[in-house]
């Protein structure tokens, strides 16, 4: 069964003539302009826009009407770099939306007085190859994949009894 479409209204003029959907506006587009020498690429993530430089995820750009405290530029980093980055970005903090007290991801909040300057400084760090900003994402694995199941147990799975009983009943008829 097919899932219903989210927007079942009339197609836009652009969709009708060109067969494409209008994209959401890019939040904080000036960041992508600043990273242009690296030829960054983007991908939707968590309803935001993830920014990659090569194979590394470096930033997430967020400007949404919900949880506005976490709008801004999210920095991909790790706990070991928080203290040194906080010296460069005094308004940087953990992301409240993620729930944990301290997360690897840090935010340059949009409501900070120096938001644009801080975001551009982060872009300079990325352009310079600063190892404190950016991560190589881990390999993806589907939940319940065979590799995961094999690693949990070395014994083979038990045969399904219900299936065997059902076949026995069908063949008896």
N, C-alpha and C. Protein backbone atom coordinates (compact mmCIF):
# COMPACT_ATOMS: atom_id res chain seq x y z
N UNK A 1 0.84 -1.17 0.00
CA UNK A 1 0.00 0.00 0.00
C UNK A 1 0.89 1.24 0.00
N UNK A 2 0.54 2.20 -0.84
CA UNK A 2 1.34 3.41 -0.94
C UNK A 2 0.99 4.37 0.19
N UNK A 3 2.00 5.10 0.62
CA UNK A 3 1.79 6.12 1.65
C UNK A 3 1.14 7.34 1.02
N UNK A 4 0.24 7.99 1.74
CA UNK A 4 -0.36 9.21 1.19
C UNK A 4 0.68 10.32 1.11
N UNK A 5 0.54 11.18 0.12
CA UNK A 5 1.45 12.31 -0.03
C UNK A 5 1.15 13.34 1.03
N UNK A 6 2.18 14.01 1.48
CA UNK A 6 2.00 15.04 2.50
C UNK A 6 1.21 16.22 1.98
N UNK A 7 1.57 16.70 0.83
CA UNK A 7 0.92 17.87 0.28
C UNK A 7 0.09 17.43 -0.91
N UNK A 8 -1.20 17.24 -0.70
CA UNK A 8 -2.04 16.75 -1.77
C UNK A 8 -2.75 17.88 -2.50
N UNK A 9 -2.33 19.12 -2.29
CA UNK A 9 -2.94 20.28 -2.95
C UNK A 9 -2.55 20.34 -4.41
N UNK A 10 -2.94 21.38 -5.06
CA UNK A 10 -2.64 21.59 -6.48
C UNK A 10 -1.13 21.76 -6.66
N UNK A 11 -0.59 21.23 -7.76
CA UNK A 11 0.84 21.43 -8.01
C UNK A 11 1.12 22.89 -8.32
N UNK A 12 2.32 23.32 -7.94
CA UNK A 12 2.71 24.71 -8.20
C UNK A 12 2.96 24.90 -9.69
N UNK A 13 3.07 26.14 -10.10
CA UNK A 13 3.35 26.46 -11.49
C UNK A 13 4.68 25.83 -11.92
N UNK A 14 5.66 25.90 -11.04
CA UNK A 14 6.97 25.34 -11.33
C UNK A 14 6.88 23.83 -11.53
N UNK A 15 6.12 23.14 -10.67
CA UNK A 15 5.95 21.69 -10.80
C UNK A 15 5.25 21.34 -12.10
N UNK A 16 4.26 22.13 -12.48
CA UNK A 16 3.48 21.85 -13.68
C UNK A 16 4.33 21.96 -14.93
N UNK A 17 5.10 23.03 -15.06
CA UNK A 17 5.87 23.26 -16.28
C UNK A 17 7.22 22.56 -16.31
N UNK A 18 7.88 22.47 -15.18
CA UNK A 18 9.23 21.95 -15.18
C UNK A 18 9.36 20.58 -14.51
N UNK A 19 8.31 20.11 -13.87
CA UNK A 19 8.35 18.80 -13.24
C UNK A 19 9.21 18.74 -11.99
N UNK A 20 9.54 19.89 -11.40
CA UNK A 20 10.35 19.90 -10.19
C UNK A 20 9.58 20.58 -9.08
N UNK A 21 9.88 20.17 -7.87
CA UNK A 21 9.28 20.80 -6.70
C UNK A 21 10.15 21.97 -6.27
N UNK A 22 9.51 23.00 -5.78
CA UNK A 22 10.25 24.14 -5.26
C UNK A 22 10.95 23.72 -3.97
N UNK A 23 12.22 24.02 -3.87
CA UNK A 23 12.99 23.65 -2.69
C UNK A 23 12.81 24.67 -1.58
N UNK A 24 13.02 24.20 -0.36
CA UNK A 24 12.98 25.10 0.78
C UNK A 24 14.17 26.06 0.69
N UNK A 25 14.03 27.27 1.20
CA UNK A 25 15.17 28.19 1.16
C UNK A 25 16.31 27.66 2.04
N UNK A 26 17.52 27.93 1.62
CA UNK A 26 18.71 27.49 2.36
C UNK A 26 18.89 28.42 3.55
N UNK A 27 18.90 27.87 4.78
CA UNK A 27 19.14 28.74 5.93
C UNK A 27 20.60 29.19 5.97
N UNK A 28 20.82 30.44 6.31
CA UNK A 28 22.17 30.99 6.48
C UNK A 28 23.05 30.71 5.25
N UNK A 29 22.53 31.08 4.11
CA UNK A 29 23.20 30.78 2.83
C UNK A 29 24.60 31.40 2.74
N UNK A 30 24.85 32.46 3.47
CA UNK A 30 26.16 33.10 3.46
C UNK A 30 27.26 32.13 3.88
N UNK A 31 26.91 31.13 4.67
CA UNK A 31 27.89 30.12 5.11
C UNK A 31 28.36 29.30 3.91
N UNK A 32 27.42 28.89 3.05
CA UNK A 32 27.79 28.13 1.85
C UNK A 32 28.63 28.98 0.91
N UNK A 33 28.33 30.27 0.82
CA UNK A 33 29.13 31.17 -0.01
C UNK A 33 30.56 31.25 0.51
N UNK A 34 30.71 31.29 1.83
CA UNK A 34 32.05 31.38 2.43
C UNK A 34 32.84 30.09 2.22
N UNK A 35 32.15 28.95 2.15
CA UNK A 35 32.82 27.66 1.97
C UNK A 35 32.97 27.27 0.50
N UNK A 36 32.56 28.14 -0.42
CA UNK A 36 32.57 27.83 -1.86
C UNK A 36 33.91 27.30 -2.37
N UNK A 37 35.07 27.80 -1.91
CA UNK A 37 36.35 27.26 -2.42
C UNK A 37 36.52 25.75 -2.18
N UNK A 38 35.80 25.19 -1.21
CA UNK A 38 35.89 23.75 -0.93
C UNK A 38 34.87 22.93 -1.72
N UNK A 39 34.03 23.61 -2.49
CA UNK A 39 32.93 22.95 -3.21
C UNK A 39 32.09 22.08 -2.26
N UNK A 40 31.50 22.72 -1.25
CA UNK A 40 30.72 21.93 -0.29
C UNK A 40 29.47 21.35 -0.94
N UNK A 41 28.99 20.25 -0.39
CA UNK A 41 27.72 19.69 -0.85
C UNK A 41 26.82 19.55 0.36
N UNK A 42 25.52 19.55 0.10
CA UNK A 42 24.56 19.55 1.20
C UNK A 42 23.63 18.36 1.09
N UNK A 43 22.99 18.10 2.22
CA UNK A 43 22.05 16.99 2.29
C UNK A 43 21.05 17.29 3.40
N UNK A 44 19.76 17.05 3.18
CA UNK A 44 18.81 17.28 4.27
C UNK A 44 19.08 16.31 5.42
N UNK A 45 19.01 16.84 6.64
CA UNK A 45 19.24 16.01 7.82
C UNK A 45 18.47 16.61 8.98
N UNK A 46 17.63 15.82 9.62
CA UNK A 46 16.83 16.26 10.77
C UNK A 46 15.97 17.48 10.43
N UNK A 47 15.55 17.62 9.19
CA UNK A 47 14.77 18.78 8.79
C UNK A 47 15.62 20.02 8.63
N UNK A 48 16.93 19.86 8.68
CA UNK A 48 17.87 20.97 8.53
C UNK A 48 18.70 20.70 7.28
N UNK A 49 19.82 21.38 7.14
CA UNK A 49 20.68 21.19 5.99
C UNK A 49 22.10 20.89 6.46
N UNK A 50 22.55 19.66 6.21
CA UNK A 50 23.91 19.27 6.58
C UNK A 50 24.87 19.71 5.49
N UNK A 51 26.03 20.20 5.88
CA UNK A 51 27.04 20.70 4.95
C UNK A 51 28.27 19.81 5.07
N UNK A 52 28.71 19.31 3.92
CA UNK A 52 29.87 18.43 3.85
C UNK A 52 30.99 19.10 3.07
N UNK A 53 32.21 18.87 3.50
CA UNK A 53 33.40 19.29 2.76
C UNK A 53 34.16 18.00 2.50
N UNK A 54 34.11 17.55 1.27
CA UNK A 54 34.66 16.23 0.95
C UNK A 54 33.83 15.17 1.63
N UNK A 55 34.48 14.28 2.38
CA UNK A 55 33.74 13.22 3.06
C UNK A 55 33.36 13.59 4.50
N UNK A 56 33.79 14.77 4.93
CA UNK A 56 33.53 15.20 6.31
C UNK A 56 32.27 16.04 6.42
N UNK A 57 31.45 15.73 7.42
CA UNK A 57 30.34 16.62 7.73
C UNK A 57 30.92 17.70 8.62
N UNK A 58 30.67 18.95 8.27
CA UNK A 58 31.29 20.04 9.03
C UNK A 58 30.27 20.88 9.79
N UNK A 59 29.10 21.10 9.19
CA UNK A 59 28.10 21.97 9.80
C UNK A 59 26.69 21.44 9.52
N UNK A 60 25.75 21.91 10.31
CA UNK A 60 24.33 21.78 9.99
C UNK A 60 23.75 23.19 10.14
N UNK A 61 22.99 23.59 9.13
CA UNK A 61 22.37 24.91 9.13
C UNK A 61 20.91 24.73 9.51
N UNK A 62 20.48 25.45 10.55
CA UNK A 62 19.10 25.29 11.05
C UNK A 62 18.44 26.65 11.25
N UNK A 63 17.25 26.77 10.70
CA UNK A 63 16.41 27.94 10.93
C UNK A 63 14.96 27.47 10.78
N UNK A 64 14.40 26.98 11.88
CA UNK A 64 13.06 26.41 11.86
C UNK A 64 12.17 27.13 12.87
N UNK A 65 10.85 27.07 12.68
CA UNK A 65 9.95 27.76 13.61
C UNK A 65 9.78 27.05 14.95
N UNK A 66 10.18 25.79 15.04
CA UNK A 66 10.08 25.07 16.31
C UNK A 66 11.45 25.02 16.98
N UNK A 67 11.47 25.01 18.30
CA UNK A 67 12.72 24.98 19.08
C UNK A 67 13.69 26.04 18.56
N UNK A 68 13.24 27.26 18.53
CA UNK A 68 14.04 28.35 17.96
C UNK A 68 15.34 28.61 18.72
N UNK A 69 15.44 28.13 19.95
CA UNK A 69 16.70 28.29 20.70
C UNK A 69 17.85 27.59 20.00
N UNK A 70 17.55 26.57 19.21
CA UNK A 70 18.61 25.81 18.54
C UNK A 70 18.77 26.17 17.07
N UNK A 71 18.25 27.31 16.66
CA UNK A 71 18.50 27.80 15.31
C UNK A 71 19.87 28.42 15.26
N UNK A 72 20.55 28.20 14.15
CA UNK A 72 21.89 28.76 13.97
C UNK A 72 22.74 27.81 13.16
N UNK A 73 24.03 27.79 13.45
CA UNK A 73 24.98 26.93 12.77
C UNK A 73 25.50 25.91 13.78
N UNK A 74 25.25 24.64 13.47
CA UNK A 74 25.72 23.56 14.33
C UNK A 74 27.10 23.12 13.85
N UNK A 75 28.04 23.01 14.78
CA UNK A 75 29.41 22.59 14.47
C UNK A 75 29.59 21.11 14.78
N UNK A 76 30.10 20.36 13.82
CA UNK A 76 30.44 18.96 14.06
C UNK A 76 31.81 18.95 14.72
N UNK A 77 31.87 18.50 15.95
CA UNK A 77 33.13 18.49 16.69
C UNK A 77 33.08 17.34 17.70
N UNK A 78 33.98 17.32 18.65
CA UNK A 78 33.96 16.31 19.70
C UNK A 78 34.26 16.98 21.04
N UNK A 79 33.95 16.27 22.12
CA UNK A 79 34.12 16.82 23.47
C UNK A 79 35.52 17.36 23.72
N UNK A 80 36.52 16.69 23.18
CA UNK A 80 37.90 17.09 23.44
C UNK A 80 38.24 18.48 22.90
N UNK A 81 37.46 18.97 21.94
CA UNK A 81 37.73 20.27 21.34
C UNK A 81 36.84 21.39 21.86
N UNK A 82 35.88 21.08 22.71
CA UNK A 82 34.93 22.10 23.17
C UNK A 82 35.62 23.26 23.87
N UNK A 83 36.54 22.97 24.76
CA UNK A 83 37.17 24.04 25.54
C UNK A 83 37.95 25.00 24.64
N UNK A 84 38.73 24.46 23.71
CA UNK A 84 39.51 25.34 22.83
C UNK A 84 38.61 26.10 21.86
N UNK A 85 37.54 25.47 21.39
CA UNK A 85 36.61 26.18 20.49
C UNK A 85 35.84 27.26 21.25
N UNK A 86 35.55 27.03 22.51
CA UNK A 86 34.81 28.03 23.29
C UNK A 86 35.65 29.30 23.47
N UNK A 87 36.96 29.17 23.45
CA UNK A 87 37.80 30.37 23.51
C UNK A 87 37.65 31.20 22.23
N UNK A 88 37.47 30.51 21.09
CA UNK A 88 37.28 31.21 19.82
C UNK A 88 35.83 31.66 19.62
N UNK A 89 34.89 30.91 20.20
CA UNK A 89 33.46 31.21 20.06
C UNK A 89 32.83 31.26 21.45
N UNK A 90 32.88 32.40 22.13
CA UNK A 90 32.37 32.48 23.49
C UNK A 90 30.87 32.18 23.62
N UNK A 91 30.09 32.38 22.56
CA UNK A 91 28.65 32.11 22.62
C UNK A 91 28.28 30.69 22.22
N UNK A 92 29.26 29.86 21.88
CA UNK A 92 29.01 28.48 21.50
C UNK A 92 28.49 27.70 22.71
N UNK A 93 27.54 26.79 22.46
CA UNK A 93 26.99 25.97 23.54
C UNK A 93 26.51 24.64 22.97
N UNK A 94 26.10 23.74 23.86
CA UNK A 94 25.52 22.46 23.43
C UNK A 94 24.12 22.70 22.89
N UNK A 95 23.64 21.78 22.10
CA UNK A 95 22.33 21.90 21.46
C UNK A 95 21.28 21.33 22.40
N UNK A 96 20.34 22.14 22.80
CA UNK A 96 19.30 21.74 23.76
C UNK A 96 18.39 20.67 23.18
N UNK A 97 18.10 20.77 21.90
CA UNK A 97 17.19 19.86 21.22
C UNK A 97 17.65 18.41 21.32
N UNK A 98 18.94 18.18 21.41
CA UNK A 98 19.46 16.82 21.48
C UNK A 98 19.29 16.19 22.85
N UNK A 99 18.92 16.99 23.84
CA UNK A 99 18.53 16.46 25.14
C UNK A 99 19.63 16.20 26.14
N UNK A 100 20.79 15.82 25.70
CA UNK A 100 21.87 15.52 26.62
C UNK A 100 22.46 16.82 27.15
N UNK A 101 23.08 16.74 28.32
CA UNK A 101 23.69 17.93 28.89
C UNK A 101 24.85 18.42 28.02
N UNK A 102 25.70 17.51 27.60
CA UNK A 102 26.81 17.87 26.73
C UNK A 102 26.84 16.94 25.53
N UNK A 103 26.83 17.51 24.33
CA UNK A 103 26.86 16.70 23.12
C UNK A 103 28.10 17.03 22.32
N UNK A 104 28.45 16.16 21.41
CA UNK A 104 29.56 16.46 20.51
C UNK A 104 29.23 17.67 19.64
N UNK A 105 28.00 17.73 19.16
CA UNK A 105 27.57 18.85 18.33
C UNK A 105 27.45 20.09 19.20
N UNK A 106 27.93 21.20 18.68
CA UNK A 106 27.82 22.48 19.37
C UNK A 106 27.15 23.47 18.42
N UNK A 107 26.57 24.52 18.98
CA UNK A 107 25.83 25.48 18.16
C UNK A 107 26.38 26.89 18.33
N UNK A 108 26.38 27.60 17.21
CA UNK A 108 26.58 29.04 17.22
C UNK A 108 25.17 29.59 17.06
N UNK A 109 24.54 30.02 18.16
CA UNK A 109 23.11 30.38 18.10
C UNK A 109 22.85 31.65 17.29
N UNK A 110 21.73 31.62 16.59
CA UNK A 110 21.37 32.74 15.72
C UNK A 110 21.08 34.02 16.52
N UNK A 111 20.67 33.85 17.77
CA UNK A 111 20.33 35.03 18.57
C UNK A 111 21.54 35.66 19.27
N UNK A 112 22.73 35.12 19.05
CA UNK A 112 23.95 35.71 19.62
C UNK A 112 24.27 37.01 18.86
N UNK A 113 24.81 37.96 19.56
CA UNK A 113 25.12 39.26 18.93
C UNK A 113 26.17 39.14 17.83
N UNK A 114 27.05 38.15 17.95
CA UNK A 114 28.13 37.99 16.96
C UNK A 114 27.90 36.78 16.05
N UNK A 115 26.63 36.42 15.81
CA UNK A 115 26.33 35.19 15.06
C UNK A 115 27.02 35.13 13.70
N UNK A 116 26.84 36.13 12.87
CA UNK A 116 27.40 36.08 11.52
C UNK A 116 28.93 36.06 11.54
N UNK A 117 29.53 36.86 12.42
CA UNK A 117 31.00 36.88 12.52
C UNK A 117 31.51 35.52 12.98
N UNK A 118 30.83 34.91 13.97
CA UNK A 118 31.25 33.61 14.47
C UNK A 118 31.10 32.53 13.39
N UNK A 119 29.99 32.57 12.66
CA UNK A 119 29.76 31.59 11.59
C UNK A 119 30.83 31.71 10.51
N UNK A 120 31.18 32.95 10.14
CA UNK A 120 32.22 33.14 9.13
C UNK A 120 33.60 32.72 9.66
N UNK A 121 33.85 32.93 10.95
CA UNK A 121 35.11 32.48 11.55
C UNK A 121 35.19 30.95 11.52
N UNK A 122 34.05 30.28 11.79
CA UNK A 122 34.01 28.81 11.70
C UNK A 122 34.31 28.36 10.28
N UNK A 123 33.81 29.09 9.30
CA UNK A 123 34.10 28.77 7.90
C UNK A 123 35.59 28.91 7.61
N UNK A 124 36.22 29.94 8.17
CA UNK A 124 37.66 30.12 8.00
C UNK A 124 38.42 28.92 8.58
N UNK A 125 37.99 28.44 9.74
CA UNK A 125 38.62 27.26 10.35
C UNK A 125 38.49 26.05 9.44
N UNK A 126 37.30 25.88 8.86
CA UNK A 126 37.06 24.73 7.97
C UNK A 126 37.93 24.86 6.72
N UNK A 127 38.00 26.06 6.15
CA UNK A 127 38.83 26.29 4.96
C UNK A 127 40.31 26.02 5.25
N UNK A 128 40.74 26.31 6.47
CA UNK A 128 42.13 26.10 6.86
C UNK A 128 42.40 24.64 7.24
N UNK A 129 41.36 23.81 7.27
CA UNK A 129 41.54 22.39 7.61
C UNK A 129 41.69 22.15 9.10
N UNK A 130 41.15 23.02 9.93
CA UNK A 130 41.22 22.86 11.38
C UNK A 130 40.58 21.53 11.79
N UNK A 131 41.33 20.65 12.46
CA UNK A 131 40.79 19.33 12.81
C UNK A 131 39.71 19.37 13.89
N UNK A 132 39.51 20.52 14.52
CA UNK A 132 38.49 20.60 15.57
C UNK A 132 37.08 20.65 15.02
N UNK A 133 36.93 21.03 13.76
CA UNK A 133 35.60 21.14 13.16
C UNK A 133 35.48 20.14 12.02
N UNK A 134 34.49 19.25 12.14
CA UNK A 134 34.23 18.27 11.09
C UNK A 134 34.47 16.85 11.57
N UNK A 135 33.67 15.94 11.04
CA UNK A 135 33.79 14.52 11.37
C UNK A 135 33.52 13.70 10.12
N UNK A 136 34.12 12.56 10.05
CA UNK A 136 33.77 11.61 8.99
C UNK A 136 32.68 10.73 9.56
N UNK A 137 31.49 10.77 8.95
CA UNK A 137 30.38 9.97 9.49
C UNK A 137 30.71 8.49 9.47
N UNK A 138 30.19 7.77 10.49
CA UNK A 138 30.41 6.33 10.56
C UNK A 138 29.62 5.60 9.49
N UNK A 139 29.98 4.36 9.25
CA UNK A 139 29.27 3.55 8.26
C UNK A 139 27.84 3.33 8.72
N UNK A 140 26.93 3.38 7.79
CA UNK A 140 25.52 3.19 8.13
C UNK A 140 25.19 1.70 8.07
N UNK A 141 24.30 1.31 8.97
CA UNK A 141 23.88 -0.08 8.98
C UNK A 141 22.41 -0.11 9.33
N UNK A 142 21.66 -0.88 8.60
CA UNK A 142 20.22 -0.97 8.85
C UNK A 142 19.98 -1.65 10.19
N UNK A 143 18.94 -1.23 10.88
CA UNK A 143 18.59 -1.84 12.15
C UNK A 143 18.19 -3.27 11.89
N UNK A 144 18.76 -4.18 12.68
CA UNK A 144 18.43 -5.60 12.52
C UNK A 144 19.14 -6.24 11.34
N UNK A 145 20.22 -5.63 10.87
CA UNK A 145 20.92 -6.20 9.73
C UNK A 145 21.59 -7.51 10.11
N UNK A 146 21.93 -8.30 9.11
CA UNK A 146 22.55 -9.61 9.36
C UNK A 146 23.87 -9.45 10.10
N UNK A 147 24.64 -8.43 9.73
CA UNK A 147 25.94 -8.23 10.38
C UNK A 147 25.75 -7.98 11.87
N UNK A 148 24.74 -7.21 12.22
CA UNK A 148 24.48 -6.90 13.62
C UNK A 148 24.04 -8.16 14.37
N UNK A 149 23.17 -8.94 13.74
CA UNK A 149 22.69 -10.16 14.38
C UNK A 149 23.81 -11.16 14.57
N UNK A 150 24.70 -11.28 13.58
CA UNK A 150 25.81 -12.21 13.70
C UNK A 150 26.74 -11.83 14.83
N UNK A 151 26.93 -10.53 15.03
CA UNK A 151 27.85 -10.10 16.08
C UNK A 151 27.27 -10.35 17.47
N UNK A 152 25.95 -10.43 17.60
CA UNK A 152 25.33 -10.65 18.90
C UNK A 152 25.43 -12.10 19.35
N UNK A 153 25.33 -13.04 18.42
CA UNK A 153 25.29 -14.44 18.81
C UNK A 153 26.05 -15.27 17.79
N UNK A 154 26.77 -16.27 18.28
CA UNK A 154 27.50 -17.15 17.37
C UNK A 154 26.68 -18.39 17.02
N UNK A 155 25.56 -18.60 17.73
CA UNK A 155 24.73 -19.77 17.43
C UNK A 155 23.74 -19.43 16.33
N UNK A 156 23.43 -20.41 15.48
CA UNK A 156 22.47 -20.14 14.40
C UNK A 156 21.08 -19.92 14.96
N UNK A 157 20.25 -19.16 14.26
CA UNK A 157 18.90 -18.91 14.75
C UNK A 157 18.07 -20.19 14.76
N UNK A 158 17.13 -20.28 15.69
CA UNK A 158 16.26 -21.44 15.79
C UNK A 158 15.23 -21.39 14.67
N UNK A 159 14.82 -22.56 14.15
CA UNK A 159 13.78 -22.54 13.10
C UNK A 159 12.46 -22.10 13.68
N UNK A 160 11.66 -21.49 12.86
CA UNK A 160 10.35 -21.04 13.31
C UNK A 160 9.39 -22.22 13.35
N UNK A 161 8.83 -22.45 14.50
CA UNK A 161 7.92 -23.59 14.67
C UNK A 161 6.55 -23.30 14.08
N UNK A 162 6.06 -22.10 14.26
CA UNK A 162 4.73 -21.76 13.76
C UNK A 162 4.66 -21.96 12.26
N UNK A 163 5.70 -21.58 11.56
CA UNK A 163 5.73 -21.73 10.11
C UNK A 163 5.69 -23.20 9.74
N UNK A 164 6.44 -24.04 10.44
CA UNK A 164 6.45 -25.48 10.17
C UNK A 164 5.08 -26.08 10.43
N UNK A 165 4.40 -25.67 11.52
CA UNK A 165 3.07 -26.19 11.83
C UNK A 165 2.07 -25.78 10.75
N UNK A 166 2.16 -24.56 10.29
CA UNK A 166 1.24 -24.08 9.26
C UNK A 166 1.39 -24.88 7.98
N UNK A 167 2.64 -25.18 7.59
CA UNK A 167 2.87 -25.99 6.39
C UNK A 167 2.32 -27.39 6.58
N UNK A 168 2.47 -27.95 7.78
CA UNK A 168 1.97 -29.31 8.04
C UNK A 168 0.45 -29.35 7.93
N UNK A 169 -0.21 -28.29 8.44
CA UNK A 169 -1.68 -28.25 8.36
C UNK A 169 -2.14 -28.12 6.90
N UNK A 170 -1.47 -27.31 6.12
CA UNK A 170 -1.86 -27.12 4.73
C UNK A 170 -1.69 -28.39 3.92
N UNK A 171 -0.59 -29.11 4.17
CA UNK A 171 -0.35 -30.34 3.39
C UNK A 171 -1.30 -31.47 3.81
N UNK A 172 -1.84 -31.40 5.03
CA UNK A 172 -2.77 -32.42 5.51
C UNK A 172 -4.14 -32.26 4.88
N UNK A 173 -4.47 -31.06 4.43
CA UNK A 173 -5.80 -30.80 3.86
C UNK A 173 -5.93 -31.30 2.47
